[in-house]
Each structure stands twice: as structure tokens, then as C-alpha cells.
Protein backbone atom coordinates (compact mmCIF):
# COMPACT_ATOMS: atom_id res chain seq x y z
CA MET A 1 -22.79 -2.53 5.76
CA GLU A 2 -21.27 -5.97 6.34
CA VAL A 3 -18.12 -4.98 4.46
CA ALA A 4 -17.69 -1.88 6.64
CA ILE A 5 -18.15 -3.96 9.81
CA ALA A 6 -15.67 -6.58 8.64
CA VAL A 7 -13.04 -4.07 7.53
CA GLY A 8 -13.48 -2.03 10.71
CA TRP A 9 -13.10 -5.15 12.87
CA ALA A 10 -9.95 -6.28 11.03
CA LEU A 11 -8.37 -2.81 11.04
CA ALA A 12 -9.16 -2.26 14.72
CA LEU A 13 -7.65 -5.60 15.74
CA GLY A 14 -4.61 -5.10 13.54
CA LEU A 15 -3.91 -1.52 14.57
CA VAL A 16 -4.73 -1.78 18.27
CA GLY A 17 -2.99 -5.16 18.50
CA GLY A 18 0.09 -3.64 16.90
CA LEU A 19 0.07 -0.67 19.27
CA LEU A 20 -0.20 -3.01 22.26
CA THR A 21 2.80 -5.04 21.08
CA ASP A 22 5.99 -3.53 22.46
CA VAL A 23 8.92 -5.56 21.15
CA GLY A 24 11.55 -3.91 23.30
CA ASP A 25 14.53 -4.93 25.40
CA TRP A 26 12.48 -7.11 27.74
CA TYR A 27 11.14 -9.19 24.87
CA ALA A 28 14.51 -9.32 23.13
CA GLY A 29 16.04 -10.67 26.33
CA LEU A 30 13.64 -13.61 26.62
CA ARG A 31 14.89 -17.09 25.82
CA LYS A 32 12.88 -18.16 22.77
CA PRO A 33 12.84 -21.42 20.81
CA SER A 34 14.92 -21.65 17.66
CA TRP A 35 11.79 -22.36 15.62
CA GLN A 36 10.19 -19.00 16.44
CA PRO A 37 9.50 -17.05 13.24
CA PRO A 38 11.37 -13.76 12.79
CA ASP A 39 9.65 -10.75 14.37
CA TRP A 40 9.01 -9.12 10.98
CA LEU A 41 6.76 -12.04 9.93
CA PHE A 42 4.09 -11.44 12.59
CA GLY A 43 2.69 -8.24 11.05
CA PRO A 44 2.18 -9.67 7.55
CA ALA A 45 0.82 -12.93 8.99
CA TRP A 46 -1.77 -11.11 11.10
CA THR A 47 -2.70 -8.90 8.13
CA VAL A 48 -3.49 -11.94 5.98
CA ILE A 49 -5.25 -13.80 8.80
CA LEU A 50 -7.45 -10.86 9.81
CA GLY A 51 -8.19 -10.13 6.14
CA LEU A 52 -9.37 -13.72 5.65
CA ALA A 53 -11.47 -13.52 8.83
CA ALA A 54 -13.06 -10.28 7.59
CA TRP A 55 -13.87 -11.93 4.27
CA ALA A 56 -15.38 -14.83 6.22
CA PHE A 57 -17.58 -12.36 8.11
CA VAL A 58 -18.92 -10.89 4.86
CA LEU A 59 -19.67 -14.33 3.40
CA ALA A 60 -21.35 -15.52 6.60
CA TRP A 61 -23.39 -12.31 6.91
CA ARG A 62 -24.67 -12.76 3.38
CA GLY A 63 -25.42 -16.43 4.01
CA THR A 64 -27.59 -16.10 7.11
CA ASP A 65 -30.85 -14.63 8.35
CA GLU A 66 -31.36 -11.90 10.95
CA SER A 67 -30.99 -14.24 13.95
CA GLY A 68 -27.74 -15.57 12.51
CA LYS A 69 -26.44 -12.03 12.08
CA GLY A 70 -26.78 -11.39 15.81
CA LEU A 71 -24.82 -14.56 16.56
CA LEU A 72 -22.20 -13.56 14.01
CA LEU A 73 -21.75 -10.09 15.53
CA GLY A 74 -21.54 -11.59 19.02
CA LEU A 75 -18.93 -14.17 18.06
CA TYR A 76 -16.76 -11.60 16.29
CA ALA A 77 -17.07 -9.20 19.25
CA ILE A 78 -16.05 -11.90 21.74
CA ASN A 79 -13.16 -12.91 19.51
CA GLY A 80 -12.09 -9.27 19.25
CA VAL A 81 -11.96 -8.93 23.03
CA PHE A 82 -9.85 -12.06 23.45
CA HIS A 83 -7.66 -11.08 20.51
CA LEU A 84 -6.91 -7.69 22.07
CA LEU A 85 -6.27 -9.05 25.58
CA TRP A 86 -3.30 -11.20 24.66
CA SER A 87 -0.80 -8.52 23.63
CA PRO A 88 -1.04 -6.33 26.74
CA LEU A 89 -0.80 -9.40 28.97
CA PHE A 90 2.34 -10.60 27.20
CA PHE A 91 4.08 -7.36 26.21
CA LYS A 92 2.81 -4.49 28.38
CA TRP A 93 2.42 -6.34 31.67
CA LYS A 94 5.25 -8.76 30.81
CA ARG A 95 3.20 -11.77 31.87
CA PRO A 96 3.58 -14.53 29.27
CA ASP A 97 2.19 -16.91 31.90
CA TRP A 98 -1.09 -14.98 32.06
CA ALA A 99 -1.10 -14.67 28.26
CA LEU A 100 -0.78 -18.46 28.07
CA VAL A 101 -3.99 -18.83 30.08
CA GLU A 102 -5.73 -16.17 27.99
CA VAL A 103 -4.71 -17.70 24.66
CA ALA A 104 -6.91 -20.72 25.46
CA PHE A 105 -9.93 -18.39 25.43
CA LEU A 106 -8.75 -16.77 22.19
CA TRP A 107 -8.32 -20.22 20.63
CA ALA A 108 -11.81 -21.26 21.77
CA SER A 109 -13.30 -18.09 20.28
CA VAL A 110 -11.64 -18.80 16.92
CA LEU A 111 -12.83 -22.42 17.00
CA ALA A 112 -16.35 -21.18 17.79
CA LEU A 113 -16.16 -18.94 14.71
CA ALA A 114 -15.05 -21.80 12.48
CA ILE A 115 -17.89 -24.02 13.72
CA ALA A 116 -20.66 -21.38 13.80
CA LEU A 117 -19.84 -19.99 10.35
CA ARG A 118 -20.13 -23.36 8.61
CA PRO A 119 -23.96 -23.35 8.30
CA MET A 120 -23.80 -19.76 7.04
CA SER A 121 -21.02 -20.37 4.51
CA VAL A 122 -18.71 -23.34 4.16
CA LEU A 123 -16.05 -21.14 2.57
CA ALA A 124 -16.30 -18.67 5.48
CA SER A 125 -15.66 -21.51 7.89
CA TRP A 126 -12.57 -22.57 5.94
CA LEU A 127 -11.30 -18.97 5.81
CA ILE A 128 -11.09 -19.05 9.63
CA VAL A 129 -8.80 -22.10 9.61
CA PRO A 130 -5.56 -20.09 9.10
CA TYR A 131 -6.53 -18.00 12.15
CA LEU A 132 -7.05 -21.18 14.17
CA VAL A 133 -3.74 -22.64 13.00
CA TRP A 134 -1.83 -19.41 13.77
CA VAL A 135 -3.35 -19.06 17.24
CA SER A 136 -2.54 -22.74 17.88
CA PHE A 137 1.05 -22.08 16.85
CA ALA A 138 1.15 -18.90 18.95
CA ALA A 139 -0.10 -20.84 21.98
CA ILE A 140 2.67 -23.43 21.55
CA LEU A 141 5.22 -20.63 21.15
CA ASN A 142 3.83 -18.89 24.24
CA LEU A 143 4.15 -22.14 26.21
CA ALA A 144 7.75 -22.59 25.03
CA ILE A 145 8.61 -19.06 26.18
CA VAL A 146 7.01 -19.62 29.59
CA ARG A 147 8.90 -22.91 30.01
CA ARG A 148 12.22 -21.28 29.07
CA ASN A 149 11.78 -18.12 31.16
CA GLY A 150 9.16 -18.61 33.88
CA PRO A 151 7.97 -18.05 36.45
CA PHE A 152 7.06 -14.44 35.79
CA ALA A 153 6.43 -12.22 38.76
CA PRO A 154 4.33 -9.08 38.84
CA ARG A 155 6.31 -5.88 38.65
CA ARG A 156 6.67 -4.05 41.92
CA ALA A 157 6.04 -0.34 42.16
CA SER A 158 9.08 1.77 42.87
CA LEU A 159 9.07 3.75 46.10
């Protein structure tokens, strides 16, 4: 059961996150820092990171009692919500400034996972570290994009 939950969570975040990421003309036209990784790297990076986080879920599930399992499910659900909010804010609604605010909540949810998983499985806690590092990097990249391009205004409806 725990493997199915973990794989389902990782696949849902990867697939839905990918569908919500529209790297089109608007994104191509943004001024980005020279140290930004190439676009092709983001998919493989997220695949590895979400795979490690899924593995962490399985280890933590197997290393805790029933009350810990509820906490684990709750933390992964909260993280999933924050994970899925970032892409539409940045790419669909073209609001990197709002995404920058939201990424703080995503980062906090990943940190909460790393801390809460430690008593359940030390290895599980360490498997979350790449996720925390990547989200930290993404937040810095997001900030650099906002500084180079902001302020962003809401799109107006055409009459």
C-alpha cells in the first residue's frame, strides 16, 4: 500500500506539474540569470527528486506507527498542494512575483518533511535533502527572474 501511495504521489506531482508548466514565448522572453540550468534539465531533476521523496515516504511509513502514518500522509498532501501551486502561478498566470511568495510555503513544507521523517527513518530524512536543495535553488532563481523582469501586472481581459 505504501509503495502505491508513494508512486502515485510522485507520478501525480511530476505529470500534473509538467502539464502546468508552459515554457512558451512569454517564458523565453524573460530576462534570466546566466547561471540558470538549461530547460531540459528540469524534467530529469524533478524525476530524481520526486523519486527520492517517494522512497523516503515508503521508508518513513515502514518506520512509524499508525499515528505517525497520519502525520506522514498529511505532510505529503500539504507538500503536494504547494508543489502544484507554483507552476500555474509562474507559467499559466505569468506571475513570478506571486510564485516567489508561494515558493516560501513549498520550501517550508519540504523542510517539515525532512524534520518530521527523521524519527521515522534517518535515511528517509536524508532522501528529502535534494528536494530541499532544489527548491532552495528554484527560489533563488525565481527571485533573480523577478528582480530582472518585475513588476508583473495581472493580465487584463480583452473587450
